Amino acid sequence: MTFGEYIRKHREALKPQDRRFSVRQVAQRIGVEPAYLSKIERGDVAPPSEAKIRALAEELGEDPDVLLAMAGKVSLDLQEIIRKRPQLFADLIRQLKSAPDHALLRIARDVRDGDW
């Protein structure tokens, strides 16, 4: 599923319960033209900027990091973290690439809790 398809699917799922999720109204709330949001959803244009993706995530109740990843982008805060130790993070990500989800979740929990 592409970024645009994902956005449309989730926006359309919210629309029957709340008319504020029309293309026009969502576009207005995130500060773009409705035609532009429609083009994004159809995949006619590249995904928008990080700021607009974050605004879309907020509107749709989605995780901004997931939407950024679907758009092929990395948030500015993560880029800054990686730039400080690029070799270490590149090696870490490559090593974790094939690890199962439960192992990644355990590592994240251990780091968050300071159990390492």
N, C-alpha and C. Protein backbone atom coordinates (compact mmCIF):
# COMPACT_ATOMS: atom_id res chain seq x y z
N MET A 1 0.85 -1.18 0.00
CA MET A 1 0.00 0.00 0.00
C MET A 1 0.90 1.24 0.00
N THR A 2 0.58 2.18 -0.86
CA THR A 2 1.38 3.41 -0.95
C THR A 2 0.97 4.39 0.16
N PHE A 3 1.77 5.42 0.31
CA PHE A 3 1.47 6.46 1.29
C PHE A 3 0.08 7.06 1.01
N GLY A 4 -0.15 7.44 -0.24
CA GLY A 4 -1.42 8.07 -0.60
C GLY A 4 -2.61 7.15 -0.37
N GLU A 5 -2.45 5.90 -0.75
CA GLU A 5 -3.54 4.93 -0.54
C GLU A 5 -3.85 4.78 0.95
N TYR A 6 -2.80 4.75 1.76
CA TYR A 6 -2.97 4.61 3.21
C TYR A 6 -3.73 5.82 3.78
N ILE A 7 -3.32 7.02 3.34
CA ILE A 7 -3.99 8.24 3.82
C ILE A 7 -5.46 8.22 3.43
N ARG A 8 -5.73 7.93 2.17
CA ARG A 8 -7.13 7.91 1.70
C ARG A 8 -7.95 6.87 2.47
N LYS A 9 -7.39 5.67 2.62
CA LYS A 9 -8.12 4.60 3.31
C LYS A 9 -8.49 5.03 4.74
N HIS A 10 -7.56 5.61 5.45
CA HIS A 10 -7.83 5.99 6.84
C HIS A 10 -8.73 7.22 6.93
N ARG A 11 -8.56 8.16 6.02
CA ARG A 11 -9.44 9.33 6.02
C ARG A 11 -10.87 8.90 5.67
N GLU A 12 -11.02 8.06 4.65
CA GLU A 12 -12.35 7.61 4.24
C GLU A 12 -13.01 6.76 5.34
N ALA A 13 -12.22 6.03 6.10
CA ALA A 13 -12.79 5.22 7.20
C ALA A 13 -13.37 6.11 8.29
N LEU A 14 -12.80 7.29 8.47
CA LEU A 14 -13.29 8.21 9.51
C LEU A 14 -14.48 9.05 9.04
N LYS A 15 -14.61 9.23 7.75
CA LYS A 15 -15.60 10.15 7.18
C LYS A 15 -17.06 9.78 7.46
N PRO A 16 -17.47 8.51 7.39
CA PRO A 16 -18.89 8.21 7.67
C PRO A 16 -19.33 8.62 9.09
N GLN A 17 -18.41 8.57 10.03
CA GLN A 17 -18.75 8.94 11.41
C GLN A 17 -18.64 10.44 11.65
N ASP A 18 -17.85 11.12 10.81
CA ASP A 18 -17.60 12.54 11.03
C ASP A 18 -17.29 13.22 9.70
N ARG A 19 -18.18 14.06 9.26
CA ARG A 19 -18.04 14.72 7.95
C ARG A 19 -16.80 15.62 7.89
N ARG A 20 -16.18 15.92 9.00
CA ARG A 20 -14.98 16.76 9.00
C ARG A 20 -13.81 16.07 8.30
N PHE A 21 -13.97 14.79 7.96
CA PHE A 21 -12.89 14.05 7.31
C PHE A 21 -13.03 13.99 5.79
N SER A 22 -13.77 14.96 5.22
CA SER A 22 -13.80 15.08 3.76
C SER A 22 -12.42 15.58 3.31
N VAL A 23 -12.11 15.38 2.04
CA VAL A 23 -10.82 15.86 1.52
C VAL A 23 -10.70 17.35 1.76
N ARG A 24 -11.77 18.08 1.47
CA ARG A 24 -11.74 19.54 1.60
C ARG A 24 -11.43 19.97 3.03
N GLN A 25 -12.11 19.39 3.99
CA GLN A 25 -11.94 19.83 5.38
C GLN A 25 -10.60 19.39 5.97
N VAL A 26 -10.16 18.19 5.66
CA VAL A 26 -8.83 17.75 6.15
C VAL A 26 -7.75 18.63 5.53
N ALA A 27 -7.86 18.88 4.23
CA ALA A 27 -6.87 19.73 3.55
C ALA A 27 -6.82 21.10 4.21
N GLN A 28 -7.98 21.65 4.50
CA GLN A 28 -8.02 22.98 5.12
C GLN A 28 -7.33 22.96 6.48
N ARG A 29 -7.57 21.92 7.27
CA ARG A 29 -6.98 21.86 8.62
C ARG A 29 -5.46 21.67 8.59
N ILE A 30 -4.94 21.00 7.55
CA ILE A 30 -3.48 20.81 7.52
C ILE A 30 -2.79 21.87 6.68
N GLY A 31 -3.56 22.77 6.08
CA GLY A 31 -2.97 23.90 5.37
C GLY A 31 -2.54 23.63 3.94
N VAL A 32 -3.29 22.77 3.23
CA VAL A 32 -3.01 22.55 1.81
C VAL A 32 -4.32 22.69 1.03
N GLU A 33 -4.21 22.79 -0.28
CA GLU A 33 -5.40 22.85 -1.13
C GLU A 33 -6.01 21.45 -1.24
N PRO A 34 -7.34 21.37 -1.31
CA PRO A 34 -7.98 20.05 -1.47
C PRO A 34 -7.47 19.29 -2.69
N ALA A 35 -7.23 20.00 -3.79
CA ALA A 35 -6.73 19.33 -5.01
C ALA A 35 -5.36 18.68 -4.75
N TYR A 36 -4.53 19.36 -3.95
CA TYR A 36 -3.21 18.81 -3.64
C TYR A 36 -3.34 17.54 -2.78
N LEU A 37 -4.20 17.58 -1.77
CA LEU A 37 -4.40 16.38 -0.93
C LEU A 37 -4.95 15.24 -1.77
N SER A 38 -5.86 15.55 -2.67
CA SER A 38 -6.41 14.52 -3.56
C SER A 38 -5.30 13.92 -4.42
N LYS A 39 -4.41 14.75 -4.93
CA LYS A 39 -3.29 14.24 -5.74
C LYS A 39 -2.36 13.37 -4.91
N ILE A 40 -2.13 13.76 -3.66
CA ILE A 40 -1.30 12.94 -2.76
C ILE A 40 -1.95 11.57 -2.59
N GLU A 41 -3.25 11.57 -2.31
CA GLU A 41 -3.96 10.30 -2.09
C GLU A 41 -3.95 9.41 -3.32
N ARG A 42 -3.97 10.01 -4.50
CA ARG A 42 -3.96 9.22 -5.74
C ARG A 42 -2.54 8.83 -6.15
N GLY A 43 -1.54 9.39 -5.48
CA GLY A 43 -0.16 9.10 -5.84
C GLY A 43 0.31 9.89 -7.05
N ASP A 44 -0.41 10.96 -7.40
CA ASP A 44 -0.03 11.78 -8.55
C ASP A 44 1.14 12.71 -8.24
N VAL A 45 1.37 12.96 -6.96
CA VAL A 45 2.49 13.80 -6.53
C VAL A 45 3.21 13.09 -5.39
N ALA A 46 4.43 13.49 -5.14
CA ALA A 46 5.21 12.89 -4.04
C ALA A 46 4.58 13.26 -2.70
N PRO A 47 4.84 12.46 -1.68
CA PRO A 47 4.32 12.80 -0.35
C PRO A 47 4.77 14.20 0.07
N PRO A 48 3.98 14.86 0.91
CA PRO A 48 4.30 16.24 1.30
C PRO A 48 5.47 16.30 2.28
N SER A 49 5.73 17.50 2.77
CA SER A 49 6.82 17.74 3.72
C SER A 49 6.56 17.02 5.04
N GLU A 50 7.61 16.93 5.85
CA GLU A 50 7.47 16.32 7.17
C GLU A 50 6.41 17.04 8.00
N ALA A 51 6.37 18.36 7.93
CA ALA A 51 5.39 19.12 8.71
C ALA A 51 3.97 18.76 8.31
N LYS A 52 3.72 18.63 7.01
CA LYS A 52 2.37 18.28 6.54
C LYS A 52 2.04 16.83 6.88
N ILE A 53 3.03 15.95 6.83
CA ILE A 53 2.78 14.55 7.20
C ILE A 53 2.45 14.47 8.69
N ARG A 54 3.16 15.24 9.50
CA ARG A 54 2.85 15.25 10.93
C ARG A 54 1.43 15.79 11.18
N ALA A 55 1.05 16.82 10.42
CA ALA A 55 -0.30 17.37 10.55
C ALA A 55 -1.34 16.33 10.14
N LEU A 56 -1.07 15.60 9.07
CA LEU A 56 -1.98 14.53 8.64
C LEU A 56 -2.10 13.45 9.71
N ALA A 57 -0.97 13.07 10.28
CA ALA A 57 -0.97 12.06 11.34
C ALA A 57 -1.83 12.51 12.51
N GLU A 58 -1.68 13.77 12.89
CA GLU A 58 -2.47 14.31 14.00
C GLU A 58 -3.96 14.28 13.66
N GLU A 59 -4.30 14.69 12.46
CA GLU A 59 -5.71 14.72 12.04
C GLU A 59 -6.32 13.32 12.01
N LEU A 60 -5.56 12.35 11.52
CA LEU A 60 -6.09 11.00 11.33
C LEU A 60 -5.85 10.09 12.52
N GLY A 61 -5.16 10.58 13.55
CA GLY A 61 -4.88 9.75 14.72
C GLY A 61 -3.88 8.65 14.42
N GLU A 62 -2.95 8.94 13.52
CA GLU A 62 -1.95 7.95 13.14
C GLU A 62 -0.58 8.31 13.73
N ASP A 63 0.31 7.33 13.77
CA ASP A 63 1.68 7.54 14.26
C ASP A 63 2.48 8.30 13.20
N PRO A 64 3.02 9.47 13.52
CA PRO A 64 3.76 10.23 12.50
C PRO A 64 4.99 9.49 11.97
N ASP A 65 5.66 8.71 12.80
CA ASP A 65 6.83 7.97 12.32
C ASP A 65 6.44 6.92 11.28
N VAL A 66 5.28 6.30 11.47
CA VAL A 66 4.81 5.31 10.49
C VAL A 66 4.52 6.00 9.16
N LEU A 67 3.81 7.15 9.22
CA LEU A 67 3.49 7.86 7.98
C LEU A 67 4.76 8.37 7.30
N LEU A 68 5.71 8.87 8.08
CA LEU A 68 6.98 9.33 7.49
C LEU A 68 7.70 8.17 6.82
N ALA A 69 7.72 7.02 7.46
CA ALA A 69 8.39 5.85 6.86
C ALA A 69 7.69 5.44 5.57
N MET A 70 6.35 5.47 5.57
CA MET A 70 5.61 5.11 4.36
C MET A 70 5.92 6.10 3.23
N ALA A 71 6.22 7.34 3.61
CA ALA A 71 6.54 8.37 2.62
C ALA A 71 8.01 8.32 2.21
N GLY A 72 8.77 7.38 2.80
CA GLY A 72 10.19 7.27 2.47
C GLY A 72 11.03 8.34 3.13
N LYS A 73 10.55 8.85 4.27
CA LYS A 73 11.25 9.93 4.96
C LYS A 73 11.62 9.51 6.38
N VAL A 74 12.59 10.21 6.92
CA VAL A 74 12.99 10.03 8.31
C VAL A 74 12.84 11.38 8.99
N SER A 75 12.25 11.39 10.17
CA SER A 75 12.00 12.66 10.85
C SER A 75 13.31 13.40 11.13
N LEU A 76 13.21 14.70 11.21
CA LEU A 76 14.40 15.53 11.44
C LEU A 76 15.09 15.18 12.75
N ASP A 77 14.31 14.85 13.79
CA ASP A 77 14.96 14.53 15.07
C ASP A 77 15.76 13.23 14.97
N LEU A 78 15.24 12.24 14.22
CA LEU A 78 16.00 11.00 14.05
C LEU A 78 17.23 11.23 13.17
N GLN A 79 17.10 12.07 12.15
CA GLN A 79 18.26 12.39 11.32
C GLN A 79 19.38 13.01 12.16
N GLU A 80 18.99 13.89 13.07
CA GLU A 80 19.98 14.54 13.92
C GLU A 80 20.67 13.52 14.84
N ILE A 81 19.89 12.59 15.37
CA ILE A 81 20.46 11.54 16.22
C ILE A 81 21.45 10.69 15.42
N ILE A 82 21.07 10.30 14.22
CA ILE A 82 21.93 9.46 13.37
C ILE A 82 23.19 10.21 12.97
N ARG A 83 23.06 11.51 12.67
CA ARG A 83 24.23 12.30 12.25
C ARG A 83 25.31 12.37 13.34
N LYS A 84 24.91 12.26 14.59
CA LYS A 84 25.88 12.35 15.68
C LYS A 84 26.77 11.11 15.74
N ARG A 85 26.23 9.93 15.35
CA ARG A 85 27.00 8.68 15.37
C ARG A 85 26.58 7.81 14.18
N PRO A 86 26.84 8.28 12.95
CA PRO A 86 26.30 7.62 11.76
C PRO A 86 26.77 6.18 11.59
N GLN A 87 28.03 5.90 11.82
CA GLN A 87 28.54 4.55 11.63
C GLN A 87 27.90 3.58 12.61
N LEU A 88 27.80 4.01 13.86
CA LEU A 88 27.22 3.16 14.90
C LEU A 88 25.75 2.86 14.61
N PHE A 89 24.98 3.89 14.25
CA PHE A 89 23.56 3.65 14.00
C PHE A 89 23.33 2.85 12.71
N ALA A 90 24.15 3.08 11.69
CA ALA A 90 24.02 2.30 10.46
C ALA A 90 24.28 0.83 10.75
N ASP A 91 25.32 0.55 11.52
CA ASP A 91 25.64 -0.84 11.86
C ASP A 91 24.52 -1.45 12.71
N LEU A 92 24.03 -0.70 13.69
CA LEU A 92 22.96 -1.18 14.56
C LEU A 92 21.71 -1.53 13.75
N ILE A 93 21.30 -0.63 12.88
CA ILE A 93 20.08 -0.86 12.08
C ILE A 93 20.26 -2.06 11.17
N ARG A 94 21.45 -2.20 10.56
CA ARG A 94 21.69 -3.36 9.68
C ARG A 94 21.68 -4.66 10.48
N GLN A 95 22.23 -4.63 11.68
CA GLN A 95 22.24 -5.83 12.51
C GLN A 95 20.82 -6.22 12.95
N LEU A 96 19.97 -5.21 13.18
CA LEU A 96 18.61 -5.46 13.65
C LEU A 96 17.62 -5.76 12.52
N LYS A 97 18.07 -5.57 11.29
CA LYS A 97 17.19 -5.67 10.13
C LYS A 97 16.38 -6.96 10.10
N SER A 98 16.99 -8.07 10.43
CA SER A 98 16.29 -9.35 10.31
C SER A 98 15.83 -9.90 11.66
N ALA A 99 15.99 -9.12 12.71
CA ALA A 99 15.55 -9.59 14.04
C ALA A 99 14.02 -9.63 14.10
N PRO A 100 13.47 -10.60 14.80
CA PRO A 100 12.00 -10.67 14.92
C PRO A 100 11.47 -9.51 15.76
N ASP A 101 10.21 -9.17 15.54
CA ASP A 101 9.60 -8.04 16.25
C ASP A 101 9.71 -8.17 17.77
N HIS A 102 9.50 -9.37 18.27
CA HIS A 102 9.53 -9.52 19.74
C HIS A 102 10.93 -9.19 20.29
N ALA A 103 11.97 -9.52 19.54
CA ALA A 103 13.33 -9.20 19.99
C ALA A 103 13.55 -7.68 19.96
N LEU A 104 13.06 -7.01 18.91
CA LEU A 104 13.20 -5.56 18.84
C LEU A 104 12.43 -4.88 19.97
N LEU A 105 11.24 -5.38 20.25
CA LEU A 105 10.44 -4.80 21.34
C LEU A 105 11.15 -4.98 22.68
N ARG A 106 11.78 -6.14 22.87
CA ARG A 106 12.50 -6.38 24.11
C ARG A 106 13.70 -5.43 24.24
N ILE A 107 14.43 -5.24 23.16
CA ILE A 107 15.56 -4.32 23.18
C ILE A 107 15.08 -2.90 23.49
N ALA A 108 14.01 -2.47 22.81
CA ALA A 108 13.47 -1.12 23.04
C ALA A 108 13.05 -0.95 24.50
N ARG A 109 12.40 -1.97 25.05
CA ARG A 109 11.96 -1.91 26.45
C ARG A 109 13.17 -1.86 27.39
N ASP A 110 14.19 -2.67 27.12
CA ASP A 110 15.38 -2.68 27.96
C ASP A 110 16.08 -1.32 27.94
N VAL A 111 16.18 -0.72 26.74
CA VAL A 111 16.83 0.60 26.62
C VAL A 111 16.01 1.64 27.36
N ARG A 112 14.67 1.64 27.14
CA ARG A 112 13.80 2.61 27.79
C ARG A 112 13.86 2.49 29.31
N ASP A 113 13.89 1.25 29.80
CA ASP A 113 13.89 1.02 31.26
C ASP A 113 15.28 1.12 31.87
N GLY A 114 16.31 1.22 31.03
CA GLY A 114 17.67 1.31 31.53
C GLY A 114 18.24 -0.01 31.99
N ASP A 115 17.63 -1.15 31.54
CA ASP A 115 18.09 -2.49 31.94
C ASP A 115 19.14 -3.01 30.96
N TRP A 116 20.28 -2.35 30.88
CA TRP A 116 21.32 -2.82 29.98
C TRP A 116 22.67 -2.50 30.49
